Amino acid sequence: MRITQRAAKSGALVLVLAGLGGAVLHSLPEPADHAVRPTVERDLDTWSMPLDGYAQPGWSETGYAESLLDQSCLRDVGIDFPVPWATSAGLQAESVADETPERGNDAPALDWSRPLSKAAADLGYHRPSARGANRDGWRQWAEDPEHDAAFDRADRSAVDRCFERSRRALGTDDDEEAQGASMTAKRLTYLAADEARREPAVVAAAARWRTCLGPHAPSALPEDPHGMPTAPMRQALGISGLALPVTKPEIALAEHDLACQQSSGYREALYDAQWSRLLHVTATDAAVLAAARPDQLAVADRVARTIERLAPDAPEGVD
């Protein structure tokens, strides 16, 4: 059934990552001397990066879009279980929460390599809520005994053809090469963001940011914006994990933070340093990227449009 398909796909990713990890562990460090062609245009506002075109959309939104497309075909083979509601924003937030560096993921979602966004006016330092992913509804749907029984009764070849048709339509019928390129792009983008913060121009801009934000901070500032908010700030502002509601003092500090990042030149300096670092990669990484097409932004767009077109309406009050 559908949940098994997702588990199998995740397993393939583990194999890809294991292969890449072995290459790093059993060879000397390589120079990053292979030039790569950017897959997107520079855009400071969206924080686009050269390898973005290789980065696959998150598993939550991809799996949901696939399930939505599967429905009509599965109904023809005797499996008629409408997919529960979900929102694109909630699914994207769930994907980001699942692909986190705190969990030891060395190739986290691209959002983890970007500074505070302009959403500070609404969210402060909170990340978007994953409530719209409707994880409980999805779990109940996937674990419904009648759902399982319908799959058991159906012709396996016919079911597989339904899955294959949906994935071809979305462009998610990828292979290990595409998955490997995606993980490589995310890993390199995350590492470039981390390394860029140590560039002299970025460090100097961070000092100006501290001078700018100091009068508005409830406690001592970290060395650069990446450390915001600190543990004492979280305590002072009443920030508890991702719990809502967002407080007015938190929003005010985040807005001052963003304004100081801009006026100090920090965001521009960080963006330039990160972009530049991604224009050259090692021979090993270049080979992984060259084996795939940088078409994942188009895939993400098809996934989003499919969800918008076919998803059931969310309950009132859910974004």
Protein backbone atom coordinates (compact mmCIF):
# COMPACT_ATOMS: atom_id res chain seq x y z
CA MET A 1 0.00 0.00 0.00
CA ARG A 2 0.96 3.67 -0.08
CA ILE A 3 2.86 3.76 3.23
CA THR A 4 5.00 0.82 2.08
CA GLN A 5 5.93 2.68 -1.07
CA ARG A 6 7.20 5.62 1.00
CA ALA A 7 9.22 3.35 3.27
CA ALA A 8 10.85 1.68 0.27
CA LYS A 9 11.74 5.04 -1.22
CA SER A 10 13.31 6.21 2.04
CA GLY A 11 15.32 2.99 2.14
CA ALA A 12 16.82 3.77 -1.26
CA LEU A 13 17.95 7.12 0.11
CA VAL A 14 19.81 5.39 2.92
CA LEU A 15 21.69 3.33 0.36
CA VAL A 16 22.61 6.44 -1.61
CA LEU A 17 23.83 8.22 1.50
CA ALA A 18 25.81 5.18 2.61
CA GLY A 19 27.57 5.12 -0.73
CA LEU A 20 28.42 8.81 -0.55
CA GLY A 21 29.59 8.50 3.04
CA GLY A 22 31.92 5.65 2.13
CA ALA A 23 33.52 7.74 -0.58
CA VAL A 24 34.33 10.45 1.92
CA LEU A 25 35.59 8.13 4.66
CA HIS A 26 37.91 6.08 2.48
CA SER A 27 39.68 8.74 0.44
CA LEU A 28 41.78 11.81 1.04
CA PRO A 29 39.99 15.17 1.02
CA GLU A 30 39.46 16.46 -2.51
CA PRO A 31 39.90 20.04 -3.66
CA ALA A 32 36.75 21.87 -4.70
CA ASP A 33 38.09 22.70 -8.13
CA HIS A 34 35.26 21.66 -10.46
CA ALA A 35 33.12 24.59 -11.64
CA VAL A 36 29.35 24.11 -11.71
CA ARG A 37 26.75 26.06 -13.65
CA PRO A 38 24.13 27.68 -11.38
CA THR A 39 20.70 26.12 -11.81
CA VAL A 40 18.85 29.30 -10.75
CA GLU A 41 19.24 33.06 -10.98
CA ARG A 42 20.66 34.98 -8.04
CA ASP A 43 17.89 36.34 -5.81
CA LEU A 44 18.67 37.64 -2.35
CA ASP A 45 14.99 37.87 -1.38
CA THR A 46 14.28 34.17 -1.99
CA TRP A 47 17.83 33.13 -0.97
CA SER A 48 18.25 31.09 -4.14
CA MET A 49 21.48 29.08 -4.37
CA PRO A 50 23.36 27.55 -7.34
CA LEU A 51 22.40 23.93 -6.62
CA ASP A 52 18.71 24.49 -5.80
CA GLY A 53 17.63 22.89 -9.07
CA TYR A 54 18.90 19.50 -7.87
CA ALA A 55 17.12 19.58 -4.48
CA GLN A 56 13.99 17.43 -4.51
CA PRO A 57 10.82 18.69 -2.78
CA GLY A 58 10.13 17.23 0.66
CA TRP A 59 8.75 13.75 1.19
CA SER A 60 5.55 14.97 2.84
CA GLU A 61 4.27 17.11 -0.04
CA THR A 62 5.57 14.69 -2.69
CA GLY A 63 3.93 11.66 -1.09
CA TYR A 64 0.66 13.53 -0.63
CA ALA A 65 0.55 14.72 -4.26
CA GLU A 66 1.28 11.19 -5.45
CA SER A 67 -1.56 9.82 -3.32
CA LEU A 68 -3.97 12.42 -4.68
CA LEU A 69 -3.14 11.40 -8.24
CA ASP A 70 -3.37 7.70 -7.38
CA GLN A 71 -7.00 7.98 -6.30
CA SER A 72 -8.87 7.81 -9.61
CA CYS A 73 -6.76 4.94 -10.91
CA LEU A 74 -6.99 2.96 -7.66
CA ARG A 75 -10.74 3.44 -7.61
CA ASP A 76 -10.93 1.60 -10.95
CA VAL A 77 -9.19 -1.43 -9.42
CA GLY A 78 -11.43 -1.55 -6.35
CA ILE A 79 -9.59 0.66 -3.86
CA ASP A 80 -11.85 3.60 -3.08
CA PHE A 81 -10.51 5.43 -0.01
CA PRO A 82 -10.36 9.22 -0.50
CA VAL A 83 -7.15 10.82 0.74
CA PRO A 84 -7.62 13.03 3.83
CA TRP A 85 -7.20 16.80 3.73
CA ALA A 86 -3.83 18.55 4.03
CA THR A 87 -2.35 21.92 3.09
CA SER A 88 0.77 22.63 1.09
CA ALA A 89 2.11 24.95 3.80
CA GLY A 90 1.61 22.33 6.50
CA LEU A 91 3.21 19.58 4.44
CA GLN A 92 6.21 21.76 3.62
CA ALA A 93 6.63 22.63 7.29
CA GLU A 94 6.50 18.93 8.17
CA SER A 95 9.20 18.15 5.58
CA VAL A 96 11.48 20.84 7.01
CA ALA A 97 10.90 19.51 10.53
CA ASP A 98 11.78 15.99 9.35
CA GLU A 99 14.97 17.06 7.54
CA THR A 100 16.80 18.74 10.39
CA PRO A 101 20.51 19.03 11.23
CA GLU A 102 19.67 18.52 14.91
CA ARG A 103 18.81 14.92 14.06
CA GLY A 104 22.25 14.30 12.61
CA ASN A 105 21.13 14.91 9.03
CA ASP A 106 24.14 16.25 7.11
CA ALA A 107 21.92 17.13 4.15
CA PRO A 108 18.99 18.97 5.77
CA ALA A 109 16.17 20.79 4.03
CA LEU A 110 17.28 23.97 2.26
CA ASP A 111 15.39 26.10 4.79
CA TRP A 112 18.05 25.24 7.38
CA SER A 113 20.70 27.02 5.27
CA ARG A 114 18.77 30.29 5.07
CA PRO A 115 18.70 33.18 7.57
CA LEU A 116 15.59 34.61 9.22
CA SER A 117 12.92 35.20 6.58
CA LYS A 118 10.56 38.12 6.10
CA ALA A 119 7.86 36.06 7.80
CA ALA A 120 9.17 37.50 11.09
CA ALA A 121 6.25 39.94 11.04
CA ASP A 122 3.91 37.01 11.62
CA LEU A 123 5.98 34.20 13.11
CA GLY A 124 8.83 35.80 15.04
CA TYR A 125 11.44 33.05 15.40
CA HIS A 126 8.89 30.25 15.11
CA ARG A 127 8.88 28.05 12.06
CA PRO A 128 5.63 27.59 10.11
CA SER A 129 3.23 25.20 11.79
CA ALA A 130 2.99 21.63 10.50
CA ARG A 131 -0.59 21.38 11.73
CA GLY A 132 -1.81 21.55 8.14
CA ALA A 133 0.01 18.30 7.34
CA ASN A 134 -2.84 16.48 9.16
CA ARG A 135 -0.48 13.74 10.30
CA ASP A 136 -3.15 12.08 12.45
CA GLY A 137 -5.59 11.98 9.55
CA TRP A 138 -2.96 10.52 7.26
CA ARG A 139 -2.04 7.85 9.83
CA GLN A 140 -5.67 6.83 10.35
CA TRP A 141 -6.18 6.62 6.59
CA ALA A 142 -3.04 4.56 6.02
CA GLU A 143 -3.70 2.18 8.92
CA ASP A 144 -7.40 1.59 8.21
CA PRO A 145 -7.87 -2.24 8.18
CA GLU A 146 -10.43 -2.00 5.35
CA HIS A 147 -7.89 0.04 3.38
CA ASP A 148 -5.32 -2.74 3.82
CA ALA A 149 -7.85 -5.39 2.88
CA ALA A 150 -8.74 -3.56 -0.33
CA PHE A 151 -5.07 -3.50 -1.35
CA ASP A 152 -4.76 -7.20 -0.56
CA ARG A 153 -7.71 -8.01 -2.81
CA ALA A 154 -6.57 -5.84 -5.73
CA ASP A 155 -4.39 -6.98 -8.60
CA ARG A 156 -0.81 -6.11 -7.63
CA SER A 157 0.27 -5.32 -11.18
CA ALA A 158 -2.68 -2.98 -11.66
CA VAL A 159 -1.90 -1.18 -8.40
CA ASP A 160 1.73 -0.76 -9.40
CA ARG A 161 0.66 0.70 -12.74
CA CYS A 162 -1.43 3.28 -10.87
CA PHE A 163 1.58 4.29 -8.79
CA GLU A 164 3.85 4.46 -11.83
CA ARG A 165 1.39 6.60 -13.79
CA SER A 166 1.12 9.16 -10.99
CA ARG A 167 4.87 9.40 -10.55
CA ARG A 168 5.48 9.85 -14.25
CA ALA A 169 2.93 12.67 -14.31
CA LEU A 170 4.61 14.47 -11.42
CA GLY A 171 8.19 13.66 -12.44
CA THR A 172 8.83 11.91 -9.12
CA ASP A 173 9.64 8.56 -10.72
CA ASP A 174 13.26 9.29 -9.94
CA ASP A 175 16.20 6.97 -9.63
CA GLU A 176 19.16 6.77 -7.27
CA GLU A 177 21.05 9.32 -9.38
CA ALA A 178 18.40 11.99 -8.80
CA GLN A 179 18.19 11.16 -5.10
CA GLY A 180 21.97 11.24 -4.76
CA ALA A 181 22.18 14.61 -6.52
CA SER A 182 19.46 16.00 -4.25
CA MET A 183 21.21 14.90 -1.07
CA THR A 184 24.52 16.21 -2.38
CA ALA A 185 23.00 19.59 -3.28
CA LYS A 186 21.38 19.94 0.14
CA ARG A 187 24.55 18.88 1.94
CA LEU A 188 26.78 21.28 0.02
CA THR A 189 24.32 24.15 0.42
CA TYR A 190 24.16 23.60 4.17
CA LEU A 191 27.95 23.38 4.48
CA ALA A 192 28.42 26.50 2.36
CA ALA A 193 26.06 28.43 4.64
CA ASP A 194 28.03 27.34 7.70
CA GLU A 195 31.40 28.18 6.13
CA ALA A 196 30.20 31.52 4.75
CA ARG A 197 29.52 32.80 8.27
CA ARG A 198 33.27 32.67 8.93
CA GLU A 199 34.22 34.84 5.95
CA PRO A 200 35.89 38.12 7.07
CA ALA A 201 33.31 40.30 5.30
CA VAL A 202 30.48 38.40 6.96
CA VAL A 203 32.12 38.51 10.41
CA ALA A 204 32.57 42.28 10.06
CA ALA A 205 28.94 42.69 9.05
CA ALA A 206 27.87 40.57 12.04
CA ALA A 207 29.68 43.04 14.33
CA ARG A 208 27.66 45.89 12.82
CA TRP A 209 24.48 43.82 13.27
CA ARG A 210 25.29 43.42 16.99
CA THR A 211 25.73 47.18 17.39
CA CYS A 212 22.42 47.78 15.64
CA LEU A 213 20.37 45.16 17.51
CA GLY A 214 21.95 45.52 20.96
CA PRO A 215 19.59 48.23 22.25
CA HIS A 216 16.55 46.10 21.39
CA ALA A 217 17.72 42.74 22.78
CA PRO A 218 16.49 41.47 26.18
CA SER A 219 19.86 39.80 26.88
CA ALA A 220 23.37 39.41 25.43
CA LEU A 221 23.53 38.79 21.69
CA PRO A 222 25.27 35.82 20.05
CA GLU A 223 28.24 36.35 17.72
CA ASP A 224 26.02 36.43 14.63
CA PRO A 225 22.33 36.17 13.68
CA HIS A 226 22.57 32.41 13.28
CA GLY A 227 22.56 32.10 17.08
CA MET A 228 19.24 33.91 17.50
CA PRO A 229 17.36 33.64 19.72
CA THR A 230 19.63 32.54 22.57
CA ALA A 231 18.37 30.39 25.45
CA PRO A 232 18.07 33.42 27.81
CA MET A 233 16.10 35.25 25.11
CA ARG A 234 13.76 32.29 24.70
CA GLN A 235 13.12 32.35 28.42
CA ALA A 236 12.63 36.12 28.51
CA LEU A 237 10.28 36.09 25.53
CA GLY A 238 8.33 33.02 26.55
CA ILE A 239 9.37 31.02 23.49
CA SER A 240 8.73 27.33 24.15
CA GLY A 241 9.83 25.19 21.21
CA LEU A 242 7.37 25.64 18.35
CA ALA A 243 4.39 26.17 20.64
CA LEU A 244 2.02 28.97 19.72
CA PRO A 245 0.99 31.69 20.22
CA VAL A 246 3.83 33.91 19.12
CA THR A 247 4.26 36.82 21.53
CA LYS A 248 4.39 40.47 20.51
CA PRO A 249 7.85 40.96 22.11
CA GLU A 250 9.18 38.03 20.07
CA ILE A 251 7.79 39.48 16.84
CA ALA A 252 9.23 42.91 17.67
CA LEU A 253 12.69 41.47 18.32
CA ALA A 254 12.59 39.41 15.13
CA GLU A 255 11.60 42.46 13.11
CA HIS A 256 14.47 44.50 14.60
CA ASP A 257 16.79 41.54 13.95
CA LEU A 258 15.81 41.37 10.28
CA ALA A 259 16.10 45.15 9.85
CA CYS A 260 19.59 45.14 11.41
CA GLN A 261 20.68 42.23 9.22
CA GLN A 262 19.72 44.32 6.21
CA SER A 263 21.08 47.71 7.32
CA SER A 264 24.41 46.22 8.48
CA GLY A 265 24.97 44.52 5.13
CA TYR A 266 25.00 41.12 6.83
CA ARG A 267 22.45 39.45 4.58
CA GLU A 268 24.11 40.62 1.38
CA ALA A 269 27.59 39.63 2.59
CA LEU A 270 26.38 36.21 3.73
CA TYR A 271 24.50 35.63 0.48
CA ASP A 272 27.52 36.52 -1.66
CA ALA A 273 29.85 34.32 0.39
CA GLN A 274 27.50 31.32 0.33
CA TRP A 275 26.76 31.66 -3.40
CA SER A 276 30.44 31.90 -4.27
CA ARG A 277 31.32 28.77 -2.31
CA LEU A 278 28.79 26.74 -4.28
CA LEU A 279 30.24 27.59 -7.68
CA HIS A 280 33.00 24.99 -7.28
CA VAL A 281 32.69 21.45 -5.94
CA THR A 282 34.89 18.37 -5.67
CA ALA A 283 35.26 15.91 -8.54
CA THR A 284 33.23 13.32 -6.61
CA ASP A 285 30.36 15.71 -5.98
CA ALA A 286 30.50 17.02 -9.54
CA ALA A 287 30.07 13.47 -10.85
CA VAL A 288 27.04 12.88 -8.61
CA LEU A 289 25.42 16.13 -9.77
CA ALA A 290 26.21 15.50 -13.44
CA ALA A 291 24.35 12.16 -13.32
CA ALA A 292 21.02 13.93 -12.68
CA ARG A 293 18.94 16.68 -14.28
CA PRO A 294 18.56 19.95 -12.33
CA ASP A 295 14.79 19.96 -12.87
CA GLN A 296 13.50 19.67 -9.30
CA LEU A 297 12.06 23.18 -9.12
CA ALA A 298 9.68 22.19 -11.93
CA VAL A 299 8.84 18.99 -10.05
CA ALA A 300 8.12 20.99 -6.90
CA ASP A 301 5.82 23.27 -8.89
CA ARG A 302 3.87 20.29 -10.28
CA VAL A 303 3.58 18.83 -6.79
CA ALA A 304 2.25 22.13 -5.38
CA ARG A 305 -0.25 22.60 -8.22
CA THR A 306 -1.50 19.03 -7.83
CA ILE A 307 -2.14 19.55 -4.13
CA GLU A 308 -3.90 22.86 -4.80
CA ARG A 309 -6.10 21.24 -7.45
CA LEU A 310 -6.99 17.91 -5.83
CA ALA A 311 -6.66 18.21 -2.05
CA PRO A 312 -9.89 18.18 0.00
CA ASP A 313 -10.69 21.41 1.80
CA ALA A 314 -9.06 21.80 5.20
CA PRO A 315 -11.26 22.42 8.24
CA GLU A 316 -12.01 26.03 9.06
CA GLY A 317 -9.17 27.70 10.92
CA VAL A 318 -6.39 25.57 9.45
CA ASP A 319 -4.00 27.44 7.13
